[in-house]
Every structure is written in structure tokens, then in C-alpha cells.
Amino acid sequence: TYKKLNRIDEALDCFLKLHAILPNSAQVL
């Protein structure tokens, strides 16, 4: 949603948090 709203820093923050939880998720990477 943040990516769609062009709030790129907030989108990046969400996906970095997700990467910490799901380190091998292809979608997150």
C-alpha cells in the first residue's frame, strides 16, 4: 500500500521488518 502511495521509505521499512521475520520469502526479497 505504501509502495502504491509512493511512500517509498515507509514501504522499505515494512519489507525490511518482514525480511527479519521471513528471511527466505521470495516475495519479500
mmCIF file of all heavy atoms, coordinates in Angstrom:
data_MODEL
# 
_entry.id   MODEL 
# 
loop_
_atom_site.group_PDB 
_atom_site.id 
_atom_site.type_symbol 
_atom_site.label_atom_id 
_atom_site.label_alt_id 
_atom_site.label_comp_id 
_atom_site.label_asym_id 
_atom_site.label_entity_id 
_atom_site.label_seq_id 
_atom_site.pdbx_PDB_ins_code 
_atom_site.Cartn_x 
_atom_site.Cartn_y 
_atom_site.Cartn_z 
_atom_site.occupancy 
_atom_site.B_iso_or_equiv 
_atom_site.pdbx_formal_charge 
_atom_site.auth_seq_id 
_atom_site.auth_comp_id 
_atom_site.auth_asym_id 
_atom_site.auth_atom_id 
_atom_site.pdbx_PDB_model_num 
ATOM 1   N N   . THR A 1 1  ? 0.841  -1.205  0.000  1.00 0.00 ? 1  THR A N   1 
ATOM 2   C CA  . THR A 1 1  ? 0.000  0.000   0.000  1.00 0.00 ? 1  THR A CA  1 
ATOM 3   C C   . THR A 1 1  ? 0.872  1.250   0.000  1.00 0.00 ? 1  THR A C   1 
ATOM 4   O O   . THR A 1 1  ? 0.625  2.188   -0.769 1.00 0.00 ? 1  THR A O   1 
ATOM 5   C CB  . THR A 1 1  ? -0.948 -0.002  1.218  1.00 0.00 ? 1  THR A CB  1 
ATOM 6   O OG1 . THR A 1 1  ? -1.707 -1.209  1.209  1.00 0.00 ? 1  THR A OG1 1 
ATOM 7   C CG2 . THR A 1 1  ? -1.901 1.176   1.188  1.00 0.00 ? 1  THR A CG2 1 
ATOM 8   N N   . TYR A 1 2  ? 1.897  1.269   0.855  1.00 0.00 ? 2  TYR A N   1 
ATOM 9   C CA  . TYR A 1 2  ? 2.811  2.416   0.880  1.00 0.00 ? 2  TYR A CA  1 
ATOM 10  C C   . TYR A 1 2  ? 3.518  2.571   -0.470 1.00 0.00 ? 2  TYR A C   1 
ATOM 11  O O   . TYR A 1 2  ? 3.734  3.687   -0.942 1.00 0.00 ? 2  TYR A O   1 
ATOM 12  C CB  . TYR A 1 2  ? 3.847  2.257   1.989  1.00 0.00 ? 2  TYR A CB  1 
ATOM 13  C CG  . TYR A 1 2  ? 3.333  2.563   3.377  1.00 0.00 ? 2  TYR A CG  1 
ATOM 14  C CD1 . TYR A 1 2  ? 3.785  1.846   4.482  1.00 0.00 ? 2  TYR A CD1 1 
ATOM 15  C CD2 . TYR A 1 2  ? 2.401  3.572   3.593  1.00 0.00 ? 2  TYR A CD2 1 
ATOM 16  C CE1 . TYR A 1 2  ? 3.328  2.139   5.769  1.00 0.00 ? 2  TYR A CE1 1 
ATOM 17  C CE2 . TYR A 1 2  ? 1.932  3.863   4.875  1.00 0.00 ? 2  TYR A CE2 1 
ATOM 18  C CZ  . TYR A 1 2  ? 2.401  3.138   5.954  1.00 0.00 ? 2  TYR A CZ  1 
ATOM 19  O OH  . TYR A 1 2  ? 1.941  3.419   7.212  1.00 0.00 ? 2  TYR A OH  1 
ATOM 20  N N   . LYS A 1 3  ? 3.872  1.449   -1.077 1.00 0.00 ? 3  LYS A N   1 
ATOM 21  C CA  . LYS A 1 3  ? 4.520  1.489   -2.393 1.00 0.00 ? 3  LYS A CA  1 
ATOM 22  C C   . LYS A 1 3  ? 3.580  2.121   -3.415 1.00 0.00 ? 3  LYS A C   1 
ATOM 23  O O   . LYS A 1 3  ? 3.993  2.967   -4.207 1.00 0.00 ? 3  LYS A O   1 
ATOM 24  C CB  . LYS A 1 3  ? 4.895  0.058   -2.804 1.00 0.00 ? 3  LYS A CB  1 
ATOM 25  C CG  . LYS A 1 3  ? 5.807  -0.036  -4.001 1.00 0.00 ? 3  LYS A CG  1 
ATOM 26  C CD  . LYS A 1 3  ? 6.197  -1.499  -4.229 1.00 0.00 ? 3  LYS A CD  1 
ATOM 27  C CE  . LYS A 1 3  ? 6.870  -1.686  -5.562 1.00 0.00 ? 3  LYS A CE  1 
ATOM 28  N NZ  . LYS A 1 3  ? 7.058  -3.104  -5.884 1.00 0.00 ? 3  LYS A NZ  1 
ATOM 29  N N   . LYS A 1 4  ? 2.313  1.727   -3.375 1.00 0.00 ? 4  LYS A N   1 
ATOM 30  C CA  . LYS A 1 4  ? 1.318  2.286   -4.303 1.00 0.00 ? 4  LYS A CA  1 
ATOM 31  C C   . LYS A 1 4  ? 1.120  3.778   -4.057 1.00 0.00 ? 4  LYS A C   1 
ATOM 32  O O   . LYS A 1 4  ? 0.904  4.553   -4.983 1.00 0.00 ? 4  LYS A O   1 
ATOM 33  C CB  . LYS A 1 4  ? -0.002 1.532   -4.123 1.00 0.00 ? 4  LYS A CB  1 
ATOM 34  C CG  . LYS A 1 4  ? -1.154 2.059   -4.928 1.00 0.00 ? 4  LYS A CG  1 
ATOM 35  C CD  . LYS A 1 4  ? -1.637 1.055   -5.921 1.00 0.00 ? 4  LYS A CD  1 
ATOM 36  C CE  . LYS A 1 4  ? -2.862 1.573   -6.617 1.00 0.00 ? 4  LYS A CE  1 
ATOM 37  N NZ  . LYS A 1 4  ? -2.915 1.190   -7.993 1.00 0.00 ? 4  LYS A NZ  1 
ATOM 38  N N   . LEU A 1 5  ? 1.194  4.191   -2.779 1.00 0.00 ? 5  LEU A N   1 
ATOM 39  C CA  . LEU A 1 5  ? 1.033  5.602   -2.415 1.00 0.00 ? 5  LEU A CA  1 
ATOM 40  C C   . LEU A 1 5  ? 2.324  6.405   -2.635 1.00 0.00 ? 5  LEU A C   1 
ATOM 41  O O   . LEU A 1 5  ? 2.377  7.592   -2.322 1.00 0.00 ? 5  LEU A O   1 
ATOM 42  C CB  . LEU A 1 5  ? 0.605  5.724   -0.950 1.00 0.00 ? 5  LEU A CB  1 
ATOM 43  C CG  . LEU A 1 5  ? -0.811 5.249   -0.621 1.00 0.00 ? 5  LEU A CG  1 
ATOM 44  C CD1 . LEU A 1 5  ? -0.998 5.116   0.885  1.00 0.00 ? 5  LEU A CD1 1 
ATOM 45  C CD2 . LEU A 1 5  ? -1.854 6.198   -1.204 1.00 0.00 ? 5  LEU A CD2 1 
ATOM 46  N N   . ASN A 1 6  ? 3.365  5.731   -3.111 1.00 0.00 ? 6  ASN A N   1 
ATOM 47  C CA  . ASN A 1 6  ? 4.669  6.347   -3.352 1.00 0.00 ? 6  ASN A CA  1 
ATOM 48  C C   . ASN A 1 6  ? 5.331  6.846   -2.058 1.00 0.00 ? 6  ASN A C   1 
ATOM 49  O O   . ASN A 1 6  ? 6.108  7.796   -2.077 1.00 0.00 ? 6  ASN A O   1 
ATOM 50  C CB  . ASN A 1 6  ? 4.568  7.473   -4.390 1.00 0.00 ? 6  ASN A CB  1 
ATOM 51  C CG  . ASN A 1 6  ? 5.874  7.652   -5.138 1.00 0.00 ? 6  ASN A CG  1 
ATOM 52  O OD1 . ASN A 1 6  ? 6.627  6.703   -5.305 1.00 0.00 ? 6  ASN A OD1 1 
ATOM 53  N ND2 . ASN A 1 6  ? 6.163  8.874   -5.554 1.00 0.00 ? 6  ASN A ND2 1 
ATOM 54  N N   . ARG A 1 7  ? 5.015  6.169   -0.953 1.00 0.00 ? 7  ARG A N   1 
ATOM 55  C CA  . ARG A 1 7  ? 5.679  6.453   0.323  1.00 0.00 ? 7  ARG A CA  1 
ATOM 56  C C   . ARG A 1 7  ? 6.777  5.390   0.480  1.00 0.00 ? 7  ARG A C   1 
ATOM 57  O O   . ARG A 1 7  ? 6.658  4.439   1.251  1.00 0.00 ? 7  ARG A O   1 
ATOM 58  C CB  . ARG A 1 7  ? 4.656  6.429   1.453  1.00 0.00 ? 7  ARG A CB  1 
ATOM 59  C CG  . ARG A 1 7  ? 3.719  7.639   1.367  1.00 0.00 ? 7  ARG A CG  1 
ATOM 60  C CD  . ARG A 1 7  ? 2.426  7.493   2.123  1.00 0.00 ? 7  ARG A CD  1 
ATOM 61  N NE  . ARG A 1 7  ? 2.570  7.321   3.538  1.00 0.00 ? 7  ARG A NE  1 
ATOM 62  C CZ  . ARG A 1 7  ? 1.530  7.229   4.388  1.00 0.00 ? 7  ARG A CZ  1 
ATOM 63  N NH1 . ARG A 1 7  ? 0.293  7.335   3.936  1.00 0.00 ? 7  ARG A NH1 1 
ATOM 64  N NH2 . ARG A 1 7  ? 1.728  7.053   5.667  1.00 0.00 ? 7  ARG A NH2 1 
ATOM 65  N N   . ILE A 1 8  ? 7.833  5.567   -0.302 1.00 0.00 ? 8  ILE A N   1 
ATOM 66  C CA  . ILE A 1 8  ? 8.823  4.516   -0.525 1.00 0.00 ? 8  ILE A CA  1 
ATOM 67  C C   . ILE A 1 8  ? 9.605  4.172   0.748  1.00 0.00 ? 8  ILE A C   1 
ATOM 68  O O   . ILE A 1 8  ? 9.860  2.998   1.020  1.00 0.00 ? 8  ILE A O   1 
ATOM 69  C CB  . ILE A 1 8  ? 9.781  4.911   -1.678 1.00 0.00 ? 8  ILE A CB  1 
ATOM 70  C CG1 . ILE A 1 8  ? 8.986  5.131   -2.978 1.00 0.00 ? 8  ILE A CG1 1 
ATOM 71  C CG2 . ILE A 1 8  ? 10.851 3.861   -1.889 1.00 0.00 ? 8  ILE A CG2 1 
ATOM 72  C CD1 . ILE A 1 8  ? 8.142  3.953   -3.432 1.00 0.00 ? 8  ILE A CD1 1 
ATOM 73  N N   . ASP A 1 9  ? 9.967  5.172   1.549  1.00 0.00 ? 9  ASP A N   1 
ATOM 74  C CA  . ASP A 1 9  ? 10.721 4.888   2.781  1.00 0.00 ? 9  ASP A CA  1 
ATOM 75  C C   . ASP A 1 9  ? 9.914  4.024   3.737  1.00 0.00 ? 9  ASP A C   1 
ATOM 76  O O   . ASP A 1 9  ? 10.451 3.098   4.355  1.00 0.00 ? 9  ASP A O   1 
ATOM 77  C CB  . ASP A 1 9  ? 11.147 6.193   3.468  1.00 0.00 ? 9  ASP A CB  1 
ATOM 78  C CG  . ASP A 1 9  ? 12.235 6.922   2.696  1.00 0.00 ? 9  ASP A CG  1 
ATOM 79  O OD1 . ASP A 1 9  ? 12.945 6.242   1.912  1.00 0.00 ? 9  ASP A OD1 1 
ATOM 80  O OD2 . ASP A 1 9  ? 12.374 8.150   2.850  1.00 0.00 ? 9  ASP A OD2 1 
ATOM 81  N N   . GLU A 1 10 ? 8.611  4.318   3.848  1.00 0.00 ? 10 GLU A N   1 
ATOM 82  C CA  . GLU A 1 10 ? 7.756  3.528   4.738  1.00 0.00 ? 10 GLU A CA  1 
ATOM 83  C C   . GLU A 1 10 ? 7.559  2.114   4.193  1.00 0.00 ? 10 GLU A C   1 
ATOM 84  O O   . GLU A 1 10 ? 7.527  1.146   4.957  1.00 0.00 ? 10 GLU A O   1 
ATOM 85  C CB  . GLU A 1 10 ? 6.399  4.227   4.920  1.00 0.00 ? 10 GLU A CB  1 
ATOM 86  C CG  . GLU A 1 10 ? 6.511  5.486   5.760  1.00 0.00 ? 10 GLU A CG  1 
ATOM 87  C CD  . GLU A 1 10 ? 5.318  6.411   5.603  1.00 0.00 ? 10 GLU A CD  1 
ATOM 88  O OE1 . GLU A 1 10 ? 5.172  7.012   4.532  1.00 0.00 ? 10 GLU A OE1 1 
ATOM 89  O OE2 . GLU A 1 10 ? 4.525  6.491   6.559  1.00 0.00 ? 10 GLU A OE2 1 
ATOM 90  N N   . ALA A 1 11 ? 7.452  1.998   2.865  1.00 0.00 ? 11 ALA A N   1 
ATOM 91  C CA  . ALA A 1 11 ? 7.332  0.674   2.237  1.00 0.00 ? 11 ALA A CA  1 
ATOM 92  C C   . ALA A 1 11 ? 8.595  -0.140  2.517  1.00 0.00 ? 11 ALA A C   1 
ATOM 93  O O   . ALA A 1 11 ? 8.519  -1.317  2.898  1.00 0.00 ? 11 ALA A O   1 
ATOM 94  C CB  . ALA A 1 11 ? 7.104  0.823   0.739  1.00 0.00 ? 11 ALA A CB  1 
ATOM 95  N N   . LEU A 1 12 ? 9.754  0.497   2.356  1.00 0.00 ? 12 LEU A N   1 
ATOM 96  C CA  . LEU A 1 12 ? 11.031 -0.179  2.607  1.00 0.00 ? 12 LEU A CA  1 
ATOM 97  C C   . LEU A 1 12 ? 11.106 -0.665  4.049  1.00 0.00 ? 12 LEU A C   1 
ATOM 98  O O   . LEU A 1 12 ? 11.512 -1.805  4.322  1.00 0.00 ? 12 LEU A O   1 
ATOM 99  C CB  . LEU A 1 12 ? 12.193 0.774   2.305  1.00 0.00 ? 12 LEU A CB  1 
ATOM 100 C CG  . LEU A 1 12 ? 13.596 0.228   2.547  1.00 0.00 ? 12 LEU A CG  1 
ATOM 101 C CD1 . LEU A 1 12 ? 13.886 -0.977  1.665  1.00 0.00 ? 12 LEU A CD1 1 
ATOM 102 C CD2 . LEU A 1 12 ? 14.636 1.320   2.313  1.00 0.00 ? 12 LEU A CD2 1 
ATOM 103 N N   . ASP A 1 13 ? 10.668 0.166   4.982  1.00 0.00 ? 13 ASP A N   1 
ATOM 104 C CA  . ASP A 1 13 ? 10.669 -0.194  6.397  1.00 0.00 ? 13 ASP A CA  1 
ATOM 105 C C   . ASP A 1 13 ? 9.822  -1.452  6.636  1.00 0.00 ? 13 ASP A C   1 
ATOM 106 O O   . ASP A 1 13 ? 10.248 -2.368  7.345  1.00 0.00 ? 13 ASP A O   1 
ATOM 107 C CB  . ASP A 1 13 ? 10.142 0.985   7.222  1.00 0.00 ? 13 ASP A CB  1 
ATOM 108 C CG  . ASP A 1 13 ? 10.284 0.754   8.710  1.00 0.00 ? 13 ASP A CG  1 
ATOM 109 O OD1 . ASP A 1 13 ? 11.379 0.331   9.136  1.00 0.00 ? 13 ASP A OD1 1 
ATOM 110 O OD2 . ASP A 1 13 ? 9.300  0.974   9.442  1.00 0.00 ? 13 ASP A OD2 1 
ATOM 111 N N   . CYS A 1 14 ? 8.642  -1.509  6.021  1.00 0.00 ? 14 CYS A N   1 
ATOM 112 C CA  . CYS A 1 14 ? 7.753  -2.683  6.169  1.00 0.00 ? 14 CYS A CA  1 
ATOM 113 C C   . CYS A 1 14 ? 8.432  -3.944  5.658  1.00 0.00 ? 14 CYS A C   1 
ATOM 114 O O   . CYS A 1 14 ? 8.434  -4.989  6.325  1.00 0.00 ? 14 CYS A O   1 
ATOM 115 C CB  . CYS A 1 14 ? 6.448  -2.480  5.400  1.00 0.00 ? 14 CYS A CB  1 
ATOM 116 S SG  . CYS A 1 14 ? 5.341  -1.278  6.132  1.00 0.00 ? 14 CYS A SG  1 
ATOM 117 N N   . PHE A 1 15 ? 9.036  -3.862  4.470  1.00 0.00 ? 15 PHE A N   1 
ATOM 118 C CA  . PHE A 1 15 ? 9.627  -5.061  3.872  1.00 0.00 ? 15 PHE A CA  1 
ATOM 119 C C   . PHE A 1 15 ? 10.918 -5.483  4.576  1.00 0.00 ? 15 PHE A C   1 
ATOM 120 O O   . PHE A 1 15 ? 11.217 -6.685  4.641  1.00 0.00 ? 15 PHE A O   1 
ATOM 121 C CB  . PHE A 1 15 ? 9.829  -4.873  2.369  1.00 0.00 ? 15 PHE A CB  1 
ATOM 122 C CG  . PHE A 1 15 ? 8.530  -4.853  1.613  1.00 0.00 ? 15 PHE A CG  1 
ATOM 123 C CD1 . PHE A 1 15 ? 8.139  -3.734  0.902  1.00 0.00 ? 15 PHE A CD1 1 
ATOM 124 C CD2 . PHE A 1 15 ? 7.672  -5.946  1.638  1.00 0.00 ? 15 PHE A CD2 1 
ATOM 125 C CE1 . PHE A 1 15 ? 6.926  -3.703  0.221  1.00 0.00 ? 15 PHE A CE1 1 
ATOM 126 C CE2 . PHE A 1 15 ? 6.462  -5.939  0.958  1.00 0.00 ? 15 PHE A CE2 1 
ATOM 127 C CZ  . PHE A 1 15 ? 6.089  -4.816  0.251  1.00 0.00 ? 15 PHE A CZ  1 
ATOM 128 N N   . LEU A 1 16 ? 11.654 -4.527  5.147  1.00 0.00 ? 16 LEU A N   1 
ATOM 129 C CA  . LEU A 1 16 ? 12.837 -4.907  5.934  1.00 0.00 ? 16 LEU A CA  1 
ATOM 130 C C   . LEU A 1 16 ? 12.417 -5.617  7.219  1.00 0.00 ? 16 LEU A C   1 
ATOM 131 O O   . LEU A 1 16 ? 13.052 -6.595  7.635  1.00 0.00 ? 16 LEU A O   1 
ATOM 132 C CB  . LEU A 1 16 ? 13.695 -3.677  6.245  1.00 0.00 ? 16 LEU A CB  1 
ATOM 133 C CG  . LEU A 1 16 ? 14.492 -3.118  5.065  1.00 0.00 ? 16 LEU A CG  1 
ATOM 134 C CD1 . LEU A 1 16 ? 15.132 -1.776  5.426  1.00 0.00 ? 16 LEU A CD1 1 
ATOM 135 C CD2 . LEU A 1 16 ? 15.555 -4.110  4.586  1.00 0.00 ? 16 LEU A CD2 1 
ATOM 136 N N   . LYS A 1 17 ? 11.332 -5.148  7.846  1.00 0.00 ? 17 LYS A N   1 
ATOM 137 C CA  . LYS A 1 17 ? 10.802 -5.843  9.033  1.00 0.00 ? 17 LYS A CA  1 
ATOM 138 C C   . LYS A 1 17 ? 10.355 -7.253  8.670  1.00 0.00 ? 17 LYS A C   1 
ATOM 139 O O   . LYS A 1 17 ? 10.604 -8.222  9.399  1.00 0.00 ? 17 LYS A O   1 
ATOM 140 C CB  . LYS A 1 17 ? 9.623  -5.060  9.622  1.00 0.00 ? 17 LYS A CB  1 
ATOM 141 C CG  . LYS A 1 17 ? 10.014 -3.840  10.415 1.00 0.00 ? 17 LYS A CG  1 
ATOM 142 C CD  . LYS A 1 17 ? 8.790  -3.103  10.923 1.00 0.00 ? 17 LYS A CD  1 
ATOM 143 C CE  . LYS A 1 17 ? 9.181  -1.810  11.595 1.00 0.00 ? 17 LYS A CE  1 
ATOM 144 N NZ  . LYS A 1 17 ? 8.029  -0.919  11.815 1.00 0.00 ? 17 LYS A NZ  1 
ATOM 145 N N   . LEU A 1 18 ? 9.662  -7.369  7.524  1.00 0.00 ? 18 LEU A N   1 
ATOM 146 C CA  . LEU A 1 18 ? 9.195  -8.675  7.065  1.00 0.00 ? 18 LEU A CA  1 
ATOM 147 C C   . LEU A 1 18 ? 10.374 -9.605  6.788  1.00 0.00 ? 18 LEU A C   1 
ATOM 148 O O   . LEU A 1 18 ? 10.312 -10.798 7.096  1.00 0.00 ? 18 LEU A O   1 
ATOM 149 C CB  . LEU A 1 18 ? 8.386  -8.518  5.776  1.00 0.00 ? 18 LEU A CB  1 
ATOM 150 C CG  . LEU A 1 18 ? 6.881  -8.588  5.904  1.00 0.00 ? 18 LEU A CG  1 
ATOM 151 C CD1 . LEU A 1 18 ? 6.240  -8.314  4.556  1.00 0.00 ? 18 LEU A CD1 1 
ATOM 152 C CD2 . LEU A 1 18 ? 6.404  -9.915  6.450  1.00 0.00 ? 18 LEU A CD2 1 
ATOM 153 N N   . HIS A 1 19 ? 11.439 -9.048  6.199  1.00 0.00 ? 19 HIS A N   1 
ATOM 154 C CA  . HIS A 1 19 ? 12.620 -9.857  5.890  1.00 0.00 ? 19 HIS A CA  1 
ATOM 155 C C   . HIS A 1 19 ? 13.224 -10.432 7.172  1.00 0.00 ? 19 HIS A C   1 
ATOM 156 O O   . HIS A 1 19 ? 13.718 -11.561 7.178  1.00 0.00 ? 19 HIS A O   1 
ATOM 157 C CB  . HIS A 1 19 ? 13.643 -9.020  5.126  1.00 0.00 ? 19 HIS A CB  1 
ATOM 158 C CG  . HIS A 1 19 ? 14.890 -9.781  4.792  1.00 0.00 ? 19 HIS A CG  1 
ATOM 159 N ND1 . HIS A 1 19 ? 14.901 -10.905 3.995  1.00 0.00 ? 19 HIS A ND1 1 
ATOM 160 C CD2 . HIS A 1 19 ? 16.175 -9.586  5.175  1.00 0.00 ? 19 HIS A CD2 1 
ATOM 161 C CE1 . HIS A 1 19 ? 16.130 -11.366 3.899  1.00 0.00 ? 19 HIS A CE1 1 
ATOM 162 N NE2 . HIS A 1 19 ? 16.928 -10.581 4.602  1.00 0.00 ? 19 HIS A NE2 1 
ATOM 163 N N   . ALA A 1 20 ? 13.156 -9.673  8.257  1.00 0.00 ? 20 ALA A N   1 
ATOM 164 C CA  . ALA A 1 20 ? 13.666 -10.158 9.540  1.00 0.00 ? 20 ALA A CA  1 
ATOM 165 C C   . ALA A 1 20 ? 12.831 -11.342 10.051 1.00 0.00 ? 20 ALA A C   1 
ATOM 166 O O   . ALA A 1 20 ? 13.353 -12.264 10.678 1.00 0.00 ? 20 ALA A O   1 
ATOM 167 C CB  . ALA A 1 20 ? 13.670 -9.029  10.567 1.00 0.00 ? 20 ALA A CB  1 
ATOM 168 N N   . ILE A 1 21 ? 11.515 -11.319 9.734  1.00 0.00 ? 21 ILE A N   1 
ATOM 169 C CA  . ILE A 1 21 ? 10.615 -12.394 10.170 1.00 0.00 ? 21 ILE A CA  1 
ATOM 170 C C   . ILE A 1 21 ? 10.680 -13.583 9.201  1.00 0.00 ? 21 ILE A C   1 
ATOM 171 O O   . ILE A 1 21 ? 10.703 -14.738 9.617  1.00 0.00 ? 21 ILE A O   1 
ATOM 172 C CB  . ILE A 1 21 ? 9.153  -11.880 10.267 1.00 0.00 ? 21 ILE A CB  1 
ATOM 173 C CG1 . ILE A 1 21 ? 9.056  -10.721 11.263 1.00 0.00 ? 21 ILE A CG1 1 
ATOM 174 C CG2 . ILE A 1 21 ? 8.206  -12.999 10.690 1.00 0.00 ? 21 ILE A CG2 1 
ATOM 175 C CD1 . ILE A 1 21 ? 7.741  -9.945  11.183 1.00 0.00 ? 21 ILE A CD1 1 
ATOM 176 N N   . LEU A 1 22 ? 10.698 -13.281 7.888  1.00 0.00 ? 22 LEU A N   1 
ATOM 177 C CA  . LEU A 1 22 ? 10.684 -14.314 6.841  1.00 0.00 ? 22 LEU A CA  1 
ATOM 178 C C   . LEU A 1 22 ? 11.906 -14.139 5.926  1.00 0.00 ? 22 LEU A C   1 
ATOM 179 O O   . LEU A 1 22 ? 11.786 -13.621 4.814  1.00 0.00 ? 22 LEU A O   1 
ATOM 180 C CB  . LEU A 1 22 ? 9.401  -14.189 6.006  1.00 0.00 ? 22 LEU A CB  1 
ATOM 181 C CG  . LEU A 1 22 ? 8.058  -14.216 6.738  1.00 0.00 ? 22 LEU A CG  1 
ATOM 182 C CD1 . LEU A 1 22 ? 6.940  -13.781 5.819  1.00 0.00 ? 22 LEU A CD1 1 
ATOM 183 C CD2 . LEU A 1 22 ? 7.785  -15.619 7.270  1.00 0.00 ? 22 LEU A CD2 1 
ATOM 184 N N   . PRO A 1 23 ? 13.089 -14.556 6.387  1.00 0.00 ? 23 PRO A N   1 
ATOM 185 C CA  . PRO A 1 23 ? 14.309 -14.255 5.635  1.00 0.00 ? 23 PRO A CA  1 
ATOM 186 C C   . PRO A 1 23 ? 14.390 -14.905 4.243  1.00 0.00 ? 23 PRO A C   1 
ATOM 187 O O   . PRO A 1 23 ? 15.109 -14.424 3.383  1.00 0.00 ? 23 PRO A O   1 
ATOM 188 C CB  . PRO A 1 23 ? 15.433 -14.765 6.542  1.00 0.00 ? 23 PRO A CB  1 
ATOM 189 C CG  . PRO A 1 23 ? 14.789 -15.695 7.501  1.00 0.00 ? 23 PRO A CG  1 
ATOM 190 C CD  . PRO A 1 23 ? 13.367 -15.272 7.635  1.00 0.00 ? 23 PRO A CD  1 
ATOM 191 N N   . ASN A 1 24 ? 13.655 -15.996 4.018  1.00 0.00 ? 24 ASN A N   1 
ATOM 192 C CA  . ASN A 1 24 ? 13.729 -16.678 2.725  1.00 0.00 ? 24 ASN A CA  1 
ATOM 193 C C   . ASN A 1 24 ? 12.469 -16.519 1.885  1.00 0.00 ? 24 ASN A C   1 
ATOM 194 O O   . ASN A 1 24 ? 12.214 -17.326 0.989  1.00 0.00 ? 24 ASN A O   1 
ATOM 195 C CB  . ASN A 1 24 ? 14.034 -18.168 2.926  1.00 0.00 ? 24 ASN A CB  1 
ATOM 196 C CG  . ASN A 1 24 ? 15.429 -18.380 3.479  1.00 0.00 ? 24 ASN A CG  1 
ATOM 197 O OD1 . ASN A 1 24 ? 16.360 -17.679 3.092  1.00 0.00 ? 24 ASN A OD1 1 
ATOM 198 N ND2 . ASN A 1 24 ? 15.574 -19.306 4.397  1.00 0.00 ? 24 ASN A ND2 1 
ATOM 199 N N   . SER A 1 25 ? 11.680 -15.502 2.167  1.00 0.00 ? 25 SER A N   1 
ATOM 200 C CA  . SER A 1 25 ? 10.463 -15.281 1.390  1.00 0.00 ? 25 SER A CA  1 
ATOM 201 C C   . SER A 1 25 ? 10.816 -14.641 0.050  1.00 0.00 ? 25 SER A C   1 
ATOM 202 O O   . SER A 1 25 ? 11.334 -13.517 0.005  1.00 0.00 ? 25 SER A O   1 
ATOM 203 C CB  . SER A 1 25 ? 9.491  -14.378 2.155  1.00 0.00 ? 25 SER A CB  1 
ATOM 204 O OG  . SER A 1 25 ? 8.477  -13.921 1.288  1.00 0.00 ? 25 SER A OG  1 
ATOM 205 N N   . ALA A 1 26 ? 10.516 -15.355 -1.040 1.00 0.00 ? 26 ALA A N   1 
ATOM 206 C CA  . ALA A 1 26 ? 10.815 -14.844 -2.384 1.00 0.00 ? 26 ALA A CA  1 
ATOM 207 C C   . ALA A 1 26 ? 10.077 -13.534 -2.644 1.00 0.00 ? 26 ALA A C   1 
ATOM 208 O O   . ALA A 1 26 ? 10.635 -12.597 -3.222 1.00 0.00 ? 26 ALA A O   1 
ATOM 209 C CB  . ALA A 1 26 ? 10.439 -15.894 -3.430 1.00 0.00 ? 26 ALA A CB  1 
ATOM 210 N N   . GLN A 1 27 ? 8.804  -13.454 -2.199 1.00 0.00 ? 27 GLN A N   1 
ATOM 211 C CA  . GLN A 1 27 ? 8.015  -12.236 -2.438 1.00 0.00 ? 27 GLN A CA  1 
ATOM 212 C C   . GLN A 1 27 ? 8.635  -11.027 -1.756 1.00 0.00 ? 27 GLN A C   1 
ATOM 213 O O   . GLN A 1 27 ? 8.699  -9.942  -2.336 1.00 0.00 ? 27 GLN A O   1 
ATOM 214 C CB  . GLN A 1 27 ? 6.564  -12.420 -1.937 1.00 0.00 ? 27 GLN A CB  1 
ATOM 215 C CG  . GLN A 1 27 ? 5.758  -13.403 -2.732 1.00 0.00 ? 27 GLN A CG  1 
ATOM 216 C CD  . GLN A 1 27 ? 5.807  -14.803 -2.140 1.00 0.00 ? 27 GLN A CD  1 
ATOM 217 O OE1 . GLN A 1 27 ? 6.788  -15.177 -1.493 1.00 0.00 ? 27 GLN A OE1 1 
ATOM 218 N NE2 . GLN A 1 27 ? 4.783  -15.580 -2.376 1.00 0.00 ? 27 GLN A NE2 1 
ATOM 219 N N   . VAL A 1 28 ? 9.101  -11.218 -0.524 1.00 0.00 ? 28 VAL A N   1 
ATOM 220 C CA  . VAL A 1 28 ? 9.697  -10.106 0.235  1.00 0.00 ? 28 VAL A CA  1 
ATOM 221 C C   . VAL A 1 28 ? 11.009 -9.667  -0.408 1.00 0.00 ? 28 VAL A C   1 
ATOM 222 O O   . VAL A 1 28 ? 11.254 -8.469  -0.591 1.00 0.00 ? 28 VAL A O   1 
ATOM 223 C CB  . VAL A 1 28 ? 9.902  -10.496 1.717  1.00 0.00 ? 28 VAL A CB  1 
ATOM 224 C CG1 . VAL A 1 28 ? 10.659 -9.406  2.465  1.00 0.00 ? 28 VAL A CG1 1 
ATOM 225 C CG2 . VAL A 1 28 ? 8.560  -10.769 2.386  1.00 0.00 ? 28 VAL A CG2 1 
ATOM 226 N N   . LEU A 1 29 ? 11.845 -10.635 -0.793 1.00 0.00 ? 29 LEU A N   1 
ATOM 227 C CA  . LEU A 1 29 ? 13.116 -10.304 -1.447 1.00 0.00 ? 29 LEU A CA  1 
ATOM 228 C C   . LEU A 1 29 ? 12.865 -9.548  -2.746 1.00 0.00 ? 29 LEU A C   1 
ATOM 229 O O   . LEU A 1 29 ? 13.559 -8.570  -3.055 1.00 0.00 ? 29 LEU A O   1 
ATOM 230 C CB  . LEU A 1 29 ? 13.918 -11.585 -1.720 1.00 0.00 ? 29 LEU A CB  1 
ATOM 231 C CG  . LEU A 1 29 ? 14.451 -12.309 -0.480 1.00 0.00 ? 29 LEU A CG  1 
ATOM 232 C CD1 . LEU A 1 29 ? 14.962 -13.695 -0.845 1.00 0.00 ? 29 LEU A CD1 1 
ATOM 233 C CD2 . LEU A 1 29 ? 15.541 -11.500 0.214  1.00 0.00 ? 29 LEU A CD2 1 
# 
